[in-house]
Amino acid sequence: MTPPEILVLRSESEPPNSSRWSVRVVPNKYPALVRDGSETQIADELYAAQDGIGAHEVIIESPAHVIDMALLSDEQFEVILRAYGDRITDLRGDRKLRCVLIYKNQGPEAGATLEHVHSQLVALPVVPKQVLEEIGAAKNYYESTKRCVFCDVIRNEIKGRERFVIDNDRFIVICPFAPRFPYETWILPKRHASFFERNSQQDNFDLARMLREILRRLNHWLSNPPFNYVIHSNPLDPDGNDYYHWHIEILPKLIQVGGFEWGSGFYINTVTPEQSASLLRQALP
């Protein structure tokens, strides 16, 4: 039995209380963070700590027992993306929360403990260090150039096309310069936007097709690899900005990260992004 649902989305043809559903969101049975608890911080001269206040949810992506997300339809991808946005928007109402991370682990090697297609949401009372560093770097670039670094990347990749994979009217897929992992790919909106959850219906329509297409190409070329994806979106600030640009990073799990990577923060990648992009352009599902 799954926990009581937080959100359920159904087909428009289904009545509101129908037992048939498309996507369900439930609390994680073994949460990293919980909604109730003390916000009191404990600190001394050396250490600081506080209770794990927040939210940890599971997005069940299909009622059918499917283990590979790429086998879902474009329409199902749209519903999943809508569920993501609905949950972030709802959690904005909790003033204790500062940041929401949505991520997917597919395959045991990528950290998945369930086979059935699902993704997870963790809402935090702080903005994680890695998120702060990424936003800080984008802000520094904007202050020196008066341009968004992600918008500049998009223009450069459309022009050069060496690391370009596919695109449509609203989104582009690239293999980023200096990737951490072989076949690392990013999906970026062509129009500047800071918040994933503010996507329009047409945005989700086009994004669903891009996300499904690149997952199918990765499956075709890499024989159904385990992977992670993470939605990088602005923290729960009230307003957007001109320097941070939301995007999705897809990370196939093809290599093991070892002591050098953990010790240095550098990654050894034997496949260039240009090679990855070229092969994924040819990898027609």
C-alpha atoms as a PDB file:
ATOM      1  CA  MET A   1       0.000   0.000   0.000  1.00  0.00           C
ATOM      2  CA  THR A   2       1.240   3.477  -0.864  1.00  0.00           C
ATOM      3  CA  PRO A   3       0.750   6.391   1.565  1.00  0.00           C
ATOM      4  CA  PRO A   4      -2.253   8.723   1.079  1.00  0.00           C
ATOM      5  CA  GLU A   5      -1.823  10.764  -2.093  1.00  0.00           C
ATOM      6  CA  ILE A   6      -0.787  14.413  -2.022  1.00  0.00           C
ATOM      7  CA  LEU A   7      -1.732  15.008  -5.660  1.00  0.00           C
ATOM      8  CA  VAL A   8      -3.459  12.953  -8.328  1.00  0.00           C
ATOM      9  CA  LEU A   9      -3.797  13.865 -11.999  1.00  0.00           C
ATOM     10  CA  ARG A  10      -6.303  12.165 -14.263  1.00  0.00           C
ATOM     11  CA  SER A  11      -7.214  12.241 -17.905  1.00  0.00           C
ATOM     12  CA  GLU A  12      -9.743  14.956 -18.786  1.00  0.00           C
ATOM     13  CA  SER A  13     -12.161  12.191 -19.776  1.00  0.00           C
ATOM     14  CA  GLU A  14     -12.125  10.742 -16.247  1.00  0.00           C
ATOM     15  CA  PRO A  15     -14.513  12.023 -13.534  1.00  0.00           C
ATOM     16  CA  PRO A  16     -12.871  13.806 -10.538  1.00  0.00           C
ATOM     17  CA  ASN A  17     -13.241  10.868  -8.105  1.00  0.00           C
ATOM     18  CA  SER A  18     -12.389   8.100 -10.557  1.00  0.00           C
ATOM     19  CA  SER A  19     -10.027   5.360  -9.395  1.00  0.00           C
ATOM     20  CA  ARG A  20      -8.232   5.697 -12.733  1.00  0.00           C
ATOM     21  CA  TRP A  21      -5.303   8.107 -12.654  1.00  0.00           C
ATOM     22  CA  SER A  22      -2.329   9.200 -14.748  1.00  0.00           C
ATOM     23  CA  VAL A  23       0.172  10.444 -12.130  1.00  0.00           C
ATOM     24  CA  ARG A  24       0.077  10.241  -8.329  1.00  0.00           C
ATOM     25  CA  VAL A  25       2.277  12.033  -5.787  1.00  0.00           C
ATOM     26  CA  VAL A  26       2.670  10.474  -2.324  1.00  0.00           C
ATOM     27  CA  PRO A  27       4.930  11.093   0.687  1.00  0.00           C
ATOM     28  CA  ASN A  28       8.130   9.059   0.695  1.00  0.00           C
ATOM     29  CA  LYS A  29       7.750   6.180   3.176  1.00  0.00           C
ATOM     30  CA  TYR A  30      11.364   6.681   4.290  1.00  0.00           C
ATOM     31  CA  PRO A  31      11.768  10.470   4.071  1.00  0.00           C
ATOM     32  CA  ALA A  32      15.052  12.330   4.273  1.00  0.00           C
ATOM     33  CA  LEU A  33      13.087  15.348   5.583  1.00  0.00           C
ATOM     34  CA  VAL A  34       9.747  15.672   7.407  1.00  0.00           C
ATOM     35  CA  ARG A  35       7.173  18.476   7.502  1.00  0.00           C
ATOM     36  CA  ASP A  36       6.814  18.606  11.311  1.00  0.00           C
ATOM     37  CA  GLY A  37       9.556  19.377  13.783  1.00  0.00           C
ATOM     38  CA  SER A  38      11.556  22.120  15.401  1.00  0.00           C
ATOM     39  CA  GLU A  39      13.251  24.819  13.348  1.00  0.00           C
ATOM     40  CA  THR A  40      15.632  25.505  16.222  1.00  0.00           C
ATOM     41  CA  GLN A  41      19.269  25.582  15.229  1.00  0.00           C
ATOM     42  CA  ILE A  42      21.866  24.050  17.530  1.00  0.00           C
ATOM     43  CA  ALA A  43      25.284  25.652  17.421  1.00  0.00           C
ATOM     44  CA  ASP A  44      28.482  26.012  19.407  1.00  0.00           C
ATOM     45  CA  GLU A  45      31.879  27.458  18.633  1.00  0.00           C
ATOM     46  CA  LEU A  46      32.603  24.764  16.051  1.00  0.00           C
ATOM     47  CA  TYR A  47      29.419  23.048  14.855  1.00  0.00           C
ATOM     48  CA  ALA A  48      25.882  23.959  13.804  1.00  0.00           C
ATOM     49  CA  ALA A  49      22.877  21.708  13.154  1.00  0.00           C
ATOM     50  CA  GLN A  50      19.083  21.753  12.885  1.00  0.00           C
ATOM     51  CA  ASP A  51      16.266  19.252  12.476  1.00  0.00           C
ATOM     52  CA  GLY A  52      15.541  17.898   8.990  1.00  0.00           C
ATOM     53  CA  ILE A  53      12.450  19.980   8.267  1.00  0.00           C
ATOM     54  CA  GLY A  54      11.086  19.897   4.729  1.00  0.00           C
ATOM     55  CA  ALA A  55       9.266  17.518   2.407  1.00  0.00           C
ATOM     56  CA  HIS A  56      10.172  14.318   0.582  1.00  0.00           C
ATOM     57  CA  GLU A  57       7.709  13.070  -2.026  1.00  0.00           C
ATOM     58  CA  VAL A  58       7.534  10.375  -4.689  1.00  0.00           C
ATOM     59  CA  ILE A  59       6.006  11.109  -8.116  1.00  0.00           C
ATOM     60  CA  ILE A  60       4.555   7.836  -9.467  1.00  0.00           C
ATOM     61  CA  GLU A  61       4.801   8.410 -13.196  1.00  0.00           C
ATOM     62  CA  SER A  62       2.360   5.812 -14.492  1.00  0.00           C
ATOM     63  CA  PRO A  63      -0.308   3.421 -13.157  1.00  0.00           C
ATOM     64  CA  ALA A  64       1.142   0.730 -15.459  1.00  0.00           C
ATOM     65  CA  HIS A  65       4.172  -1.209 -14.232  1.00  0.00           C
ATOM     66  CA  VAL A  66       6.808   0.275 -16.522  1.00  0.00           C
ATOM     67  CA  ILE A  67      10.496   0.306 -15.562  1.00  0.00           C
ATOM     68  CA  ASP A  68      11.829   2.519 -18.383  1.00  0.00           C
ATOM     69  CA  MET A  69      10.477   6.066 -18.539  1.00  0.00           C
ATOM     70  CA  ALA A  70      11.260   6.347 -22.263  1.00  0.00           C
ATOM     71  CA  LEU A  71       8.500   3.799 -22.958  1.00  0.00           C
ATOM     72  CA  LEU A  72       5.831   6.235 -21.759  1.00  0.00           C
ATOM     73  CA  SER A  73       3.953   8.357 -24.284  1.00  0.00           C
ATOM     74  CA  ASP A  74       4.494  12.039 -25.030  1.00  0.00           C
ATOM     75  CA  GLU A  75       1.149  12.716 -23.354  1.00  0.00           C
ATOM     76  CA  GLN A  76       2.263  10.913 -20.188  1.00  0.00           C
ATOM     77  CA  PHE A  77       5.459  12.955 -20.096  1.00  0.00           C
ATOM     78  CA  GLU A  78       3.322  16.113 -20.222  1.00  0.00           C
ATOM     79  CA  VAL A  79       1.289  14.998 -17.207  1.00  0.00           C
ATOM     80  CA  ILE A  80       4.473  14.191 -15.271  1.00  0.00           C
ATOM     81  CA  LEU A  81       5.893  17.654 -15.991  1.00  0.00           C
ATOM     82  CA  ARG A  82       2.603  19.238 -14.920  1.00  0.00           C
ATOM     83  CA  ALA A  83       2.753  17.308 -11.630  1.00  0.00           C
ATOM     84  CA  TYR A  84       6.284  18.610 -11.034  1.00  0.00           C
ATOM     85  CA  GLY A  85       5.164  22.198 -11.537  1.00  0.00           C
ATOM     86  CA  ASP A  86       2.018  21.795  -9.431  1.00  0.00           C
ATOM     87  CA  ARG A  87       3.989  20.447  -6.479  1.00  0.00           C
ATOM     88  CA  ILE A  88       6.626  23.201  -6.570  1.00  0.00           C
ATOM     89  CA  THR A  89       3.897  25.839  -6.795  1.00  0.00           C
ATOM     90  CA  ASP A  90       2.055  24.342  -3.824  1.00  0.00           C
ATOM     91  CA  LEU A  91       5.199  24.104  -1.686  1.00  0.00           C
ATOM     92  CA  ARG A  92       5.900  27.774  -2.313  1.00  0.00           C
ATOM     93  CA  GLY A  93       3.169  28.457   0.240  1.00  0.00           C
ATOM     94  CA  ASP A  94       5.309  27.028   3.061  1.00  0.00           C
ATOM     95  CA  ARG A  95       7.504  29.845   4.310  1.00  0.00           C
ATOM     96  CA  LYS A  96       9.911  27.426   5.993  1.00  0.00           C
ATOM     97  CA  LEU A  97      11.047  26.124   2.597  1.00  0.00           C
ATOM     98  CA  ARG A  98      13.749  27.742   0.501  1.00  0.00           C
ATOM     99  CA  CYS A  99      14.481  25.307  -2.330  1.00  0.00           C
ATOM    100  CA  VAL A 100      12.827  22.385  -4.139  1.00  0.00           C
ATOM    101  CA  LEU A 101      14.835  19.717  -5.956  1.00  0.00           C
ATOM    102  CA  ILE A 102      13.177  17.310  -8.388  1.00  0.00           C
ATOM    103  CA  TYR A 103      15.244  14.400  -9.598  1.00  0.00           C
ATOM    104  CA  LYS A 104      14.965  10.960 -11.148  1.00  0.00           C
ATOM    105  CA  ASN A 105      17.043   7.841 -10.502  1.00  0.00           C
ATOM    106  CA  GLN A 106      16.433   5.102 -13.070  1.00  0.00           C
ATOM    107  CA  GLY A 107      18.200   1.793 -12.536  1.00  0.00           C
ATOM    108  CA  PRO A 108      19.890   0.404  -9.414  1.00  0.00           C
ATOM    109  CA  GLU A 109      23.281   1.757 -10.523  1.00  0.00           C
ATOM    110  CA  ALA A 110      21.762   5.260 -10.526  1.00  0.00           C
ATOM    111  CA  GLY A 111      20.378   4.870  -7.013  1.00  0.00           C
ATOM    112  CA  ALA A 112      16.831   3.647  -7.730  1.00  0.00           C
ATOM    113  CA  THR A 113      15.380   1.347  -5.070  1.00  0.00           C
ATOM    114  CA  LEU A 114      12.081   0.782  -6.924  1.00  0.00           C
ATOM    115  CA  GLU A 115      11.663  -0.525 -10.473  1.00  0.00           C
ATOM    116  CA  HIS A 116       8.317   1.170 -11.199  1.00  0.00           C
ATOM    117  CA  VAL A 117       8.827   4.491 -13.007  1.00  0.00           C
ATOM    118  CA  HIS A 118       8.995   7.313 -10.502  1.00  0.00           C
ATOM    119  CA  SER A 119      10.863  10.459  -9.608  1.00  0.00           C
ATOM    120  CA  GLN A 120      11.355  12.277  -6.319  1.00  0.00           C
ATOM    121  CA  LEU A 121      10.937  15.744  -4.841  1.00  0.00           C
ATOM    122  CA  VAL A 122      12.847  17.079  -1.849  1.00  0.00           C
ATOM    123  CA  ALA A 123      11.951  20.492  -0.419  1.00  0.00           C
ATOM    124  CA  LEU A 124      14.602  22.031   1.820  1.00  0.00           C
ATOM    125  CA  PRO A 125      14.689  24.811   4.428  1.00  0.00           C
ATOM    126  CA  VAL A 126      18.054  25.958   3.030  1.00  0.00           C
ATOM    127  CA  VAL A 127      19.518  26.416  -0.436  1.00  0.00           C
ATOM    128  CA  PRO A 128      22.150  23.685  -0.997  1.00  0.00           C
ATOM    129  CA  LYS A 129      25.777  24.682  -1.437  1.00  0.00           C
ATOM    130  CA  GLN A 130      25.970  23.358  -5.001  1.00  0.00           C
ATOM    131  CA  VAL A 131      22.880  25.325  -6.014  1.00  0.00           C
ATOM    132  CA  LEU A 132      24.286  28.497  -4.443  1.00  0.00           C
ATOM    133  CA  GLU A 133      27.563  28.019  -6.321  1.00  0.00           C
ATOM    134  CA  GLU A 134      25.814  27.566  -9.668  1.00  0.00           C
ATOM    135  CA  ILE A 135      23.587  30.598  -9.143  1.00  0.00           C
ATOM    136  CA  GLY A 136      26.534  32.635  -7.853  1.00  0.00           C
ATOM    137  CA  ALA A 137      28.599  31.864 -10.946  1.00  0.00           C
ATOM    138  CA  ALA A 138      25.673  32.829 -13.203  1.00  0.00           C
ATOM    139  CA  LYS A 139      25.222  36.083 -11.284  1.00  0.00           C
ATOM    140  CA  ASN A 140      28.921  36.943 -11.522  1.00  0.00           C
ATOM    141  CA  TYR A 141      28.845  36.378 -15.295  1.00  0.00           C
ATOM    142  CA  TYR A 142      25.769  38.592 -15.626  1.00  0.00           C
ATOM    143  CA  GLU A 143      27.336  41.378 -13.567  1.00  0.00           C
ATOM    144  CA  SER A 144      30.406  41.419 -15.817  1.00  0.00           C
ATOM    145  CA  THR A 145      28.617  41.055 -19.189  1.00  0.00           C
ATOM    146  CA  LYS A 146      24.960  42.058 -18.567  1.00  0.00           C
ATOM    147  CA  ARG A 147      23.991  38.757 -20.242  1.00  0.00           C
ATOM    148  CA  CYS A 148      22.744  35.393 -19.009  1.00  0.00           C
ATOM    149  CA  VAL A 149      25.491  32.768 -19.349  1.00  0.00           C
ATOM    150  CA  PHE A 150      22.954  30.080 -20.260  1.00  0.00           C
ATOM    151  CA  CYS A 151      21.461  32.263 -23.005  1.00  0.00           C
ATOM    152  CA  ASP A 152      24.992  32.807 -24.339  1.00  0.00           C
ATOM    153  CA  VAL A 153      25.594  29.035 -24.286  1.00  0.00           C
ATOM    154  CA  ILE A 154      22.398  28.450 -26.258  1.00  0.00           C
ATOM    155  CA  ARG A 155      23.354  31.040 -28.883  1.00  0.00           C
ATOM    156  CA  ASN A 156      26.852  29.582 -29.166  1.00  0.00           C
ATOM    157  CA  GLU A 157      25.661  25.987 -29.545  1.00  0.00           C
ATOM    158  CA  ILE A 158      23.011  26.893 -32.121  1.00  0.00           C
ATOM    159  CA  LYS A 159      25.662  28.763 -34.115  1.00  0.00           C
ATOM    160  CA  GLY A 160      28.495  26.235 -33.852  1.00  0.00           C
ATOM    161  CA  ARG A 161      26.361  23.054 -33.638  1.00  0.00           C
ATOM    162  CA  GLU A 162      29.325  20.930 -32.498  1.00  0.00           C
ATOM    163  CA  ARG A 163      27.617  20.085 -29.204  1.00  0.00           C
ATOM    164  CA  PHE A 164      24.052  20.532 -30.468  1.00  0.00           C
ATOM    165  CA  VAL A 165      21.849  17.414 -30.407  1.00  0.00           C
ATOM    166  CA  ILE A 166      18.206  18.316 -31.179  1.00  0.00           C
ATOM    167  CA  ASP A 167      15.789  21.188 -30.685  1.00  0.00           C
ATOM    168  CA  ASN A 168      12.260  22.411 -31.280  1.00  0.00           C
ATOM    169  CA  ASP A 169      10.601  25.820 -31.109  1.00  0.00           C
ATOM    170  CA  ARG A 170      11.075  26.244 -27.355  1.00  0.00           C
ATOM    171  CA  PHE A 171      13.864  23.915 -26.196  1.00  0.00           C
ATOM    172  CA  ILE A 172      17.341  22.810 -27.146  1.00  0.00           C
ATOM    173  CA  VAL A 173      19.322  19.706 -26.134  1.00  0.00           C
ATOM    174  CA  ILE A 174      23.106  19.954 -25.985  1.00  0.00           C
ATOM    175  CA  CYS A 175      26.076  18.031 -24.647  1.00  0.00           C
ATOM    176  CA  PRO A 176      27.657  20.728 -22.468  1.00  0.00           C
ATOM    177  CA  PHE A 177      31.245  21.893 -22.766  1.00  0.00           C
ATOM    178  CA  ALA A 178      33.521  20.162 -20.191  1.00  0.00           C
ATOM    179  CA  PRO A 179      30.947  17.545 -19.099  1.00  0.00           C
ATOM    180  CA  ARG A 180      31.500  15.515 -15.952  1.00  0.00           C
ATOM    181  CA  PHE A 181      30.287  12.244 -17.464  1.00  0.00           C
ATOM    182  CA  PRO A 182      30.131  10.580 -20.919  1.00  0.00           C
ATOM    183  CA  TYR A 183      26.965  11.547 -22.803  1.00  0.00           C
ATOM    184  CA  GLU A 184      25.910  14.111 -20.196  1.00  0.00           C
ATOM    185  CA  THR A 185      23.126  16.141 -21.829  1.00  0.00           C
ATOM    186  CA  TRP A 186      21.245  19.306 -20.907  1.00  0.00           C
ATOM    187  CA  ILE A 187      17.799  20.515 -21.946  1.00  0.00           C
ATOM    188  CA  LEU A 188      17.417  24.304 -21.864  1.00  0.00           C
ATOM    189  CA  PRO A 189      14.496  26.602 -22.706  1.00  0.00           C
ATOM    190  CA  LYS A 190      15.429  28.916 -25.566  1.00  0.00           C
ATOM    191  CA  ARG A 191      13.552  31.775 -23.906  1.00  0.00           C
ATOM    192  CA  HIS A 192      15.095  33.027 -20.676  1.00  0.00           C
ATOM    193  CA  ALA A 193      13.204  31.798 -17.615  1.00  0.00           C
ATOM    194  CA  SER A 194      14.294  31.335 -13.997  1.00  0.00           C
ATOM    195  CA  PHE A 195      11.525  29.050 -12.709  1.00  0.00           C
ATOM    196  CA  PHE A 196      10.602  25.631 -14.071  1.00  0.00           C
ATOM    197  CA  GLU A 197       7.196  25.719 -12.367  1.00  0.00           C
ATOM    198  CA  ARG A 198       6.115  28.752 -14.396  1.00  0.00           C
ATOM    199  CA  ASN A 199       6.112  26.784 -17.652  1.00  0.00           C
ATOM    200  CA  SER A 200       3.046  27.279 -19.813  1.00  0.00           C
ATOM    201  CA  GLN A 201       0.993  24.397 -21.172  1.00  0.00           C
ATOM    202  CA  GLN A 202       2.757  24.814 -24.522  1.00  0.00           C
ATOM    203  CA  ASP A 203       6.131  24.796 -22.751  1.00  0.00           C
ATOM    204  CA  ASN A 204       5.294  21.458 -21.148  1.00  0.00           C
ATOM    205  CA  PHE A 205       4.021  20.132 -24.487  1.00  0.00           C
ATOM    206  CA  ASP A 206       7.333  20.914 -26.209  1.00  0.00           C
ATOM    207  CA  LEU A 207       9.489  19.917 -23.225  1.00  0.00           C
ATOM    208  CA  ALA A 208       7.766  16.529 -22.942  1.00  0.00           C
ATOM    209  CA  ARG A 209       8.738  15.738 -26.521  1.00  0.00           C
ATOM    210  CA  MET A 210      12.337  16.870 -26.033  1.00  0.00           C
ATOM    211  CA  LEU A 211      12.791  14.902 -22.809  1.00  0.00           C
ATOM    212  CA  ARG A 212      11.271  11.714 -24.196  1.00  0.00           C
ATOM    213  CA  GLU A 213      13.225  12.028 -27.446  1.00  0.00           C
ATOM    214  CA  ILE A 214      16.629  12.405 -25.800  1.00  0.00           C
ATOM    215  CA  LEU A 215      15.951   9.527 -23.384  1.00  0.00           C
ATOM    216  CA  ARG A 216      15.023   7.329 -26.336  1.00  0.00           C
ATOM    217  CA  ARG A 217      18.221   8.321 -28.156  1.00  0.00           C
ATOM    218  CA  LEU A 218      20.312   7.533 -25.086  1.00  0.00           C
ATOM    219  CA  ASN A 219      18.554   4.162 -24.857  1.00  0.00           C
ATOM    220  CA  HIS A 220      19.198   3.445 -28.519  1.00  0.00           C
ATOM    221  CA  TRP A 221      22.888   4.330 -28.493  1.00  0.00           C
ATOM    222  CA  LEU A 222      23.834   3.158 -24.990  1.00  0.00           C
ATOM    223  CA  SER A 223      21.540   0.121 -24.679  1.00  0.00           C
ATOM    224  CA  ASN A 224      19.165   1.431 -22.018  1.00  0.00           C
ATOM    225  CA  PRO A 225      21.648   2.918 -19.542  1.00  0.00           C
ATOM    226  CA  PRO A 226      20.806   3.727 -15.923  1.00  0.00           C
ATOM    227  CA  PHE A 227      20.652   7.481 -15.496  1.00  0.00           C
ATOM    228  CA  ASN A 228      19.816  10.400 -13.251  1.00  0.00           C
ATOM    229  CA  TYR A 229      18.208  13.655 -14.207  1.00  0.00           C
ATOM    230  CA  VAL A 230      17.850  16.767 -12.088  1.00  0.00           C
ATOM    231  CA  ILE A 231      15.751  19.874 -12.681  1.00  0.00           C
ATOM    232  CA  HIS A 232      17.864  22.945 -11.910  1.00  0.00           C
ATOM    233  CA  SER A 233      15.419  25.736 -11.086  1.00  0.00           C
ATOM    234  CA  ASN A 234      15.669  28.996  -9.179  1.00  0.00           C
ATOM    235  CA  PRO A 235      15.080  28.639  -5.410  1.00  0.00           C
ATOM    236  CA  LEU A 236      11.735  29.712  -3.975  1.00  0.00           C
ATOM    237  CA  ASP A 237      12.310  33.452  -4.313  1.00  0.00           C
ATOM    238  CA  PRO A 238       9.266  35.563  -5.146  1.00  0.00           C
ATOM    239  CA  ASP A 239      10.711  37.015  -8.349  1.00  0.00           C
ATOM    240  CA  GLY A 240      12.703  35.784 -11.312  1.00  0.00           C
ATOM    241  CA  ASN A 241      15.963  37.326 -12.432  1.00  0.00           C
ATOM    242  CA  ASP A 242      17.981  37.980 -15.559  1.00  0.00           C
ATOM    243  CA  TYR A 243      20.972  35.800 -14.642  1.00  0.00           C
ATOM    244  CA  TYR A 244      19.694  32.317 -13.719  1.00  0.00           C
ATOM    245  CA  HIS A 245      18.163  30.068 -16.374  1.00  0.00           C
ATOM    246  CA  TRP A 246      16.409  26.828 -15.368  1.00  0.00           C
ATOM    247  CA  HIS A 247      17.391  23.621 -17.168  1.00  0.00           C
ATOM    248  CA  ILE A 248      17.431  19.818 -16.887  1.00  0.00           C
ATOM    249  CA  GLU A 249      20.698  17.875 -16.611  1.00  0.00           C
ATOM    250  CA  ILE A 250      20.637  14.202 -17.688  1.00  0.00           C
ATOM    251  CA  LEU A 251      23.521  12.053 -16.430  1.00  0.00           C
ATOM    252  CA  PRO A 252      23.869   8.499 -17.800  1.00  0.00           C
ATOM    253  CA  LYS A 253      25.519   6.217 -15.246  1.00  0.00           C
ATOM    254  CA  LEU A 254      28.300   4.680 -17.336  1.00  0.00           C
ATOM    255  CA  ILE A 255      31.361   5.052 -15.112  1.00  0.00           C
ATOM    256  CA  GLN A 256      32.215   4.821 -11.428  1.00  0.00           C
ATOM    257  CA  VAL A 257      33.305   7.965  -9.611  1.00  0.00           C
ATOM    258  CA  GLY A 258      36.463   7.238  -7.638  1.00  0.00           C
ATOM    259  CA  GLY A 259      38.899   8.758  -5.204  1.00  0.00           C
ATOM    260  CA  PHE A 260      40.394  11.217  -7.693  1.00  0.00           C
ATOM    261  CA  GLU A 261      37.011  12.755  -8.430  1.00  0.00           C
ATOM    262  CA  TRP A 262      35.982  12.899  -4.755  1.00  0.00           C
ATOM    263  CA  GLY A 263      39.338  14.292  -3.727  1.00  0.00           C
ATOM    264  CA  SER A 264      39.781  16.884  -6.466  1.00  0.00           C
ATOM    265  CA  GLY A 265      36.330  17.807  -7.753  1.00  0.00           C
ATOM    266  CA  PHE A 266      37.641  17.074 -11.271  1.00  0.00           C
ATOM    267  CA  TYR A 267      36.131  14.366 -13.476  1.00  0.00           C
ATOM    268  CA  ILE A 268      37.919  12.107 -15.945  1.00  0.00           C
ATOM    269  CA  ASN A 269      35.721  11.794 -19.031  1.00  0.00           C
ATOM    270  CA  THR A 270      37.003   9.772 -21.987  1.00  0.00           C
ATOM    271  CA  VAL A 271      34.228  10.893 -24.376  1.00  0.00           C
ATOM    272  CA  THR A 272      34.270  14.486 -25.613  1.00  0.00           C
ATOM    273  CA  PRO A 273      30.979  16.403 -25.732  1.00  0.00           C
ATOM    274  CA  GLU A 274      31.449  16.816 -29.477  1.00  0.00           C
ATOM    275  CA  GLN A 275      31.639  13.027 -29.901  1.00  0.00           C
ATOM    276  CA  SER A 276      28.641  12.510 -27.624  1.00  0.00           C
ATOM    277  CA  ALA A 277      26.526  15.057 -29.503  1.00  0.00           C
ATOM    278  CA  SER A 278      27.467  13.668 -32.906  1.00  0.00           C
ATOM    279  CA  LEU A 279      26.556  10.120 -31.920  1.00  0.00           C
ATOM    280  CA  LEU A 280      23.286  11.167 -30.259  1.00  0.00           C
ATOM    281  CA  ARG A 281      22.302  13.128 -33.375  1.00  0.00           C
ATOM    282  CA  GLN A 282      22.657   9.895 -35.332  1.00  0.00           C
ATOM    283  CA  ALA A 283      20.963   7.705 -32.709  1.00  0.00           C
ATOM    284  CA  LEU A 284      17.473   7.747 -34.153  1.00  0.00           C
ATOM    285  CA  PRO A 285      15.133   5.694 -31.939  1.00  0.00           C
END
